[in-house]
Amino acid sequence: MALIEVCDLKKEFKHQNREKSFLGTVKGLIKREYEIKSAVDNISFSINRGEIVGYIGPNGAGKSTTIKILVGILVPTSINAKIIVIQN
C-alpha cells in the first residue's frame, strides 16, 4: 500500500515578457504579453511504507516545487494525488 502516490503532477507559471527600454515599459503597462513556463511536467511516483527515498536532480528540475505542492504551499496546475497519513 502506497503512503504517497502522485500521478501526472504538473505546475506551470505565467511569466510576463518585458522589454528593457522605457518605451517597452510603457507598452507593457498597456498590453502585457505572457509566456508559460513549465516547472514540473507530468511527474508520477509512489512511496510505500518503510521505503527510504531520495529526490535528486539538476538545478531547476522542479524538486522544491514538487515538495511545496505536496505540503500545500503551492497550488498545482493539474494533479491526481493521494497522500495517506498513518499514525502509529
Protein backbone atom coordinates (compact mmCIF):
# COMPACT_ATOMS: atom_id res chain seq x y z
CA MET A 1 0.00 0.00 0.00
CA ALA A 2 1.46 3.34 -1.08
CA LEU A 3 1.58 6.09 1.55
CA ILE A 4 2.22 8.74 -1.08
CA GLU A 5 1.05 8.30 -4.64
CA VAL A 6 1.34 11.06 -7.24
CA CYS A 7 0.17 10.75 -10.83
CA ASP A 8 0.71 13.35 -13.57
CA LEU A 9 1.75 16.27 -11.38
CA LYS A 10 2.02 19.46 -13.42
CA LYS A 11 2.86 23.06 -12.45
CA GLU A 12 3.11 25.98 -14.85
CA PHE A 13 3.98 29.58 -14.07
CA LYS A 14 2.87 32.59 -16.09
CA HIS A 15 5.83 34.89 -16.73
CA GLN A 16 5.45 38.39 -18.16
CA ASN A 17 7.73 39.26 -21.09
CA ARG A 18 9.29 42.68 -20.52
CA GLU A 19 11.33 44.92 -22.72
CA LYS A 20 14.24 46.77 -21.17
CA SER A 21 13.66 50.16 -22.77
CA PHE A 22 11.46 52.95 -21.43
CA LEU A 23 9.12 52.64 -24.42
CA GLY A 24 8.89 48.90 -23.79
CA THR A 25 7.92 49.57 -20.16
CA VAL A 26 5.11 51.88 -21.25
CA LYS A 27 3.92 49.30 -23.80
CA GLY A 28 3.95 46.69 -21.04
CA LEU A 29 1.54 48.79 -18.98
CA ILE A 30 -0.94 48.91 -21.85
CA LYS A 31 -0.64 45.44 -23.36
CA ARG A 32 1.05 42.63 -21.45
CA GLU A 33 2.49 39.58 -23.10
CA TYR A 34 2.94 36.39 -21.12
CA GLU A 35 4.96 33.24 -21.55
CA ILE A 36 4.02 29.99 -19.82
CA LYS A 37 6.96 28.20 -18.19
CA SER A 38 6.63 24.63 -17.01
CA ALA A 39 8.30 23.95 -13.64
CA VAL A 40 7.04 20.37 -13.23
CA ASP A 41 5.75 18.36 -16.18
CA ASN A 42 3.82 15.10 -15.62
CA ILE A 43 5.74 13.59 -12.69
CA SER A 44 4.44 10.30 -11.29
CA PHE A 45 5.77 8.31 -8.32
CA SER A 46 4.68 6.32 -5.29
CA ILE A 47 6.32 5.75 -1.92
CA ASN A 48 5.44 2.68 0.12
CA ARG A 49 5.57 2.28 3.89
CA GLY A 50 9.13 1.72 5.14
CA GLU A 51 10.86 2.94 1.98
CA ILE A 52 13.67 5.45 2.15
CA VAL A 53 13.74 7.70 -0.90
CA GLY A 54 15.97 10.40 -2.30
CA TYR A 55 14.60 13.05 -4.62
CA ILE A 56 17.54 14.21 -6.72
CA GLY A 57 18.02 16.07 -9.97
CA PRO A 58 19.79 19.02 -11.55
CA ASN A 59 19.12 22.64 -10.65
CA GLY A 60 15.78 23.81 -12.00
CA ALA A 61 14.32 20.30 -12.31
CA GLY A 62 11.31 21.07 -10.06
CA LYS A 63 12.29 19.24 -6.87
CA SER A 64 11.38 22.06 -4.49
CA THR A 65 8.23 22.88 -6.46
CA THR A 66 7.07 19.26 -6.16
CA ILE A 67 7.63 19.20 -2.39
CA LYS A 68 5.88 22.57 -1.97
CA ILE A 69 2.85 21.25 -3.86
CA LEU A 70 2.70 18.08 -1.75
CA VAL A 71 2.76 20.01 1.54
CA GLY A 72 0.23 22.58 0.33
CA ILE A 73 2.35 25.71 -0.12
CA LEU A 74 1.78 25.89 -3.90
CA VAL A 75 -1.31 25.03 -5.92
CA PRO A 76 -0.65 22.68 -8.85
CA THR A 77 -1.85 23.30 -12.39
CA SER A 78 -3.11 19.70 -12.51
CA ILE A 79 -2.61 16.65 -10.28
CA ASN A 80 -4.05 13.29 -9.44
CA ALA A 81 -2.55 12.66 -5.99
CA LYS A 82 -3.29 10.54 -3.00
CA ILE A 83 -1.49 11.12 0.29
CA ILE A 84 -2.26 8.74 3.14
CA VAL A 85 -1.05 9.54 6.66
CA ILE A 86 -0.88 6.62 9.09
CA GLN A 87 -0.24 7.37 12.74
CA ASN A 88 1.25 4.71 14.99
